[in-house]
Amino acid sequence: MARPGPKPQPTAKKKLHGNPGRRPLPENEPEPRVETEIPEAPDFLDELGRNEWDRMASELYPTGVMTVVDRTALEAYCSEYSKWVFATIKIQEDGMTLKSPSGFPMQTPYLQIANKSQAEMRKWLCELGCTPSSRTRVSRVTKDEKKDPLKEFQDKGGRLGLVKKGGGK
C-alpha cells in the first residue's frame, strides 16, 4: 500500500542541502559503499539506455547518493527508459489506435508497453529500496543477539559493589 504524502528525500541529499527541514536524520538508514568513480554503462544497454545512464550517473555521483547497490537499479531504470522511449516514439508515429483485422479501432500494443515499463520500474525500485529516496524507509537488519543482563548493567555504568584488591574500601 502506498504511503501518503511526498516521498522522503535521501539522507545524503538532506545533508548536502544542510537539512533544511531541521528534522532528525535517520540513524538506521543503510549506508552501502559509495562508488569511487562514475561507473561505465553496462554492455547490454542500447544507445538510448547508455545516454540515460551517462546523464543519471553524472547527476547521482557528485551528490554521494550513488552507491554500489544503486548500480543494478540504475541499469534496470535505463533499460526501462529505453523501452519507454521506443514505445513512445512508435505511438507518436503510428498513433494510439490501430485497426483490428475486423476493422474496429483498438489500442496500439506500444501504449501498454510504455505504461507497463514505467509502472514496473517504479514498483521494483521502491520495493527493493534501491533508490535513494526509498532507502530512507529501510532499516538495517541486525542479528537478534541474546542479551546478557550483566553486560547491559555494566554498559549503563553500573557497579557490582566489588572491592578492588589492596583498595581498602
Protein backbone atom coordinates (compact mmCIF):
# COMPACT_ATOMS: atom_id res chain seq x y z
CA MET A 1 0.00 0.00 0.00
CA ALA A 2 1.32 3.45 -0.89
CA ARG A 3 2.25 5.84 1.86
CA PRO A 4 0.53 9.23 1.88
CA GLY A 5 2.48 12.42 1.25
CA PRO A 6 5.65 13.09 -0.69
CA LYS A 7 8.43 10.53 -0.85
CA PRO A 8 11.16 11.07 1.71
CA GLN A 9 14.31 12.73 0.48
CA PRO A 10 17.55 10.75 0.66
CA THR A 11 19.61 11.50 3.76
CA ALA A 12 22.64 12.28 1.58
CA LYS A 13 20.59 14.91 -0.25
CA LYS A 14 19.36 16.40 3.05
CA LYS A 15 22.96 16.63 4.31
CA LEU A 16 24.03 18.22 1.02
CA HIS A 17 21.41 20.96 1.49
CA GLY A 18 22.07 21.43 5.22
CA ASN A 19 18.96 19.52 6.39
CA PRO A 20 16.52 22.36 5.59
CA GLY A 21 13.61 20.75 7.47
CA ARG A 22 15.70 20.51 10.66
CA ARG A 23 14.08 17.16 11.41
CA PRO A 24 16.25 14.42 12.90
CA LEU A 25 18.02 12.38 10.24
CA PRO A 26 17.50 8.62 10.29
CA GLU A 27 20.18 6.83 12.28
CA ASN A 28 19.46 3.34 11.00
CA GLU A 29 19.46 4.02 7.25
CA PRO A 30 21.62 1.51 5.36
CA GLU A 31 24.83 3.05 4.09
CA PRO A 32 26.17 0.98 1.19
CA ARG A 33 29.64 1.69 -0.16
CA VAL A 34 29.70 4.82 -2.34
CA GLU A 35 31.08 4.46 -5.86
CA THR A 36 34.65 5.80 -6.11
CA GLU A 37 34.10 6.95 -9.70
CA ILE A 38 31.26 7.11 -12.18
CA PRO A 39 30.77 3.53 -13.40
CA GLU A 40 30.63 2.72 -17.10
CA ALA A 41 27.27 1.82 -18.62
CA PRO A 42 26.73 -1.93 -18.94
CA ASP A 43 27.18 -3.53 -22.37
CA PHE A 44 23.59 -4.76 -22.64
CA LEU A 45 22.11 -1.23 -22.79
CA ASP A 46 21.30 0.19 -26.19
CA GLU A 47 22.24 3.74 -27.22
CA LEU A 48 19.21 5.32 -25.52
CA GLY A 49 19.90 3.41 -22.32
CA ARG A 50 23.59 4.34 -22.35
CA ASN A 51 22.78 8.02 -22.86
CA GLU A 52 20.37 7.91 -19.94
CA TRP A 53 22.96 6.06 -17.84
CA ASP A 54 25.53 8.79 -18.53
CA ARG A 55 23.03 11.51 -17.67
CA MET A 56 21.78 9.90 -14.45
CA ALA A 57 25.15 8.65 -13.23
CA SER A 58 26.74 12.06 -13.70
CA GLU A 59 23.96 13.59 -11.58
CA LEU A 60 23.98 10.92 -8.87
CA TYR A 61 27.73 10.56 -8.42
CA PRO A 62 28.65 14.08 -7.22
CA THR A 63 25.95 14.03 -4.55
CA GLY A 64 27.36 10.89 -2.94
CA VAL A 65 23.99 9.20 -3.39
CA MET A 66 25.14 6.66 -6.00
CA THR A 67 26.31 3.53 -4.25
CA VAL A 68 27.37 0.08 -5.37
CA VAL A 69 23.86 -1.31 -4.79
CA ASP A 70 22.28 1.50 -6.82
CA ARG A 71 24.07 0.24 -9.94
CA THR A 72 21.53 -2.55 -10.55
CA ALA A 73 18.64 -0.16 -10.02
CA LEU A 74 20.20 2.29 -12.45
CA GLU A 75 20.77 -0.47 -15.03
CA ALA A 76 17.14 -1.56 -14.77
CA TYR A 77 15.89 2.04 -14.88
CA CYS A 78 17.94 2.78 -18.01
CA SER A 79 16.73 -0.40 -19.70
CA GLU A 80 13.11 0.50 -18.92
CA TYR A 81 13.72 4.09 -20.00
CA SER A 82 14.90 2.83 -23.38
CA LYS A 83 11.77 0.69 -23.79
CA TRP A 84 9.56 3.62 -22.81
CA VAL A 85 11.21 5.99 -25.30
CA PHE A 86 11.00 3.41 -28.09
CA ALA A 87 7.30 2.75 -27.39
CA THR A 88 6.55 6.47 -27.09
CA ILE A 89 8.17 7.19 -30.46
CA LYS A 90 6.15 4.38 -32.07
CA ILE A 91 2.96 5.82 -30.54
CA GLN A 92 3.82 9.25 -31.93
CA GLU A 93 4.49 7.79 -35.37
CA ASP A 94 1.52 5.41 -35.59
CA GLY A 95 -0.99 6.95 -33.18
CA MET A 96 -2.55 5.39 -30.08
CA THR A 97 -5.03 3.28 -32.02
CA LEU A 98 -4.91 0.98 -34.99
CA LYS A 99 -7.50 -1.01 -36.91
CA SER A 100 -8.10 -4.58 -35.85
CA PRO A 101 -8.43 -7.30 -38.52
CA SER A 102 -12.19 -6.88 -38.27
CA GLY A 103 -11.90 -3.15 -38.93
CA PHE A 104 -12.62 -1.83 -35.43
CA PRO A 105 -10.22 0.58 -33.74
CA MET A 106 -8.07 -0.87 -30.97
CA GLN A 107 -5.34 0.37 -28.69
CA THR A 108 -1.79 0.03 -30.01
CA PRO A 109 0.33 -2.51 -28.12
CA TYR A 110 3.03 0.15 -27.72
CA LEU A 111 0.82 2.07 -25.31
CA GLN A 112 0.72 -0.93 -22.99
CA ILE A 113 4.50 -1.37 -23.29
CA ALA A 114 5.09 2.27 -22.39
CA ASN A 115 2.70 2.19 -19.42
CA LYS A 116 3.93 -1.15 -18.08
CA SER A 117 7.57 -0.15 -18.40
CA GLN A 118 7.02 2.93 -16.23
CA ALA A 119 4.88 1.19 -13.61
CA GLU A 120 7.02 -1.93 -13.21
CA MET A 121 10.24 0.01 -12.85
CA ARG A 122 8.78 2.31 -10.21
CA LYS A 123 7.41 -0.61 -8.19
CA TRP A 124 10.64 -2.60 -8.43
CA LEU A 125 12.82 0.26 -7.30
CA CYS A 126 10.59 1.17 -4.38
CA GLU A 127 10.01 -2.39 -3.19
CA LEU A 128 13.69 -3.25 -3.07
CA GLY A 129 14.77 0.01 -1.50
CA CYS A 130 17.29 0.53 -4.29
CA THR A 131 16.57 4.20 -4.86
CA PRO A 132 17.99 6.81 -2.53
CA SER A 133 14.52 8.05 -1.51
CA SER A 134 13.17 4.59 -0.76
CA ARG A 135 16.30 3.72 1.22
CA THR A 136 15.19 6.18 3.92
CA ARG A 137 12.32 3.78 4.67
CA VAL A 138 14.58 0.75 5.13
CA SER A 139 16.19 -0.10 8.47
CA ARG A 140 19.41 -2.04 8.86
CA VAL A 141 18.90 -5.67 9.64
CA THR A 142 20.79 -6.76 12.76
CA LYS A 143 21.28 -10.18 14.25
CA ASP A 144 19.00 -10.96 17.15
CA GLU A 145 21.64 -11.49 19.79
CA LYS A 146 20.92 -12.95 23.20
CA LYS A 147 21.00 -10.22 25.81
CA ASP A 148 23.49 -10.52 28.65
CA PRO A 149 21.99 -8.74 31.68
CA LEU A 150 25.41 -8.31 33.32
CA LYS A 151 26.86 -6.73 30.16
CA GLU A 152 23.86 -4.37 29.88
CA PHE A 153 24.25 -3.39 33.54
CA GLN A 154 27.96 -2.66 33.10
CA ASP A 155 27.37 -0.75 29.85
CA LYS A 156 24.96 1.53 31.70
CA GLY A 157 27.67 2.44 34.21
CA GLY A 158 26.51 0.10 36.96
CA ARG A 159 28.90 -1.25 39.54
CA LEU A 160 28.86 -4.67 41.08
CA GLY A 161 29.96 -3.49 44.52
CA LEU A 162 33.20 -5.46 44.39
CA VAL A 163 36.19 -4.15 46.26
CA LYS A 164 39.47 -3.91 44.36
CA LYS A 165 42.47 -5.74 45.80
CA GLY A 166 44.50 -3.57 48.15
CA GLY A 167 41.96 -0.80 47.80
CA GLY A 168 40.60 -0.77 51.35
CA LYS A 169 37.06 0.41 50.99
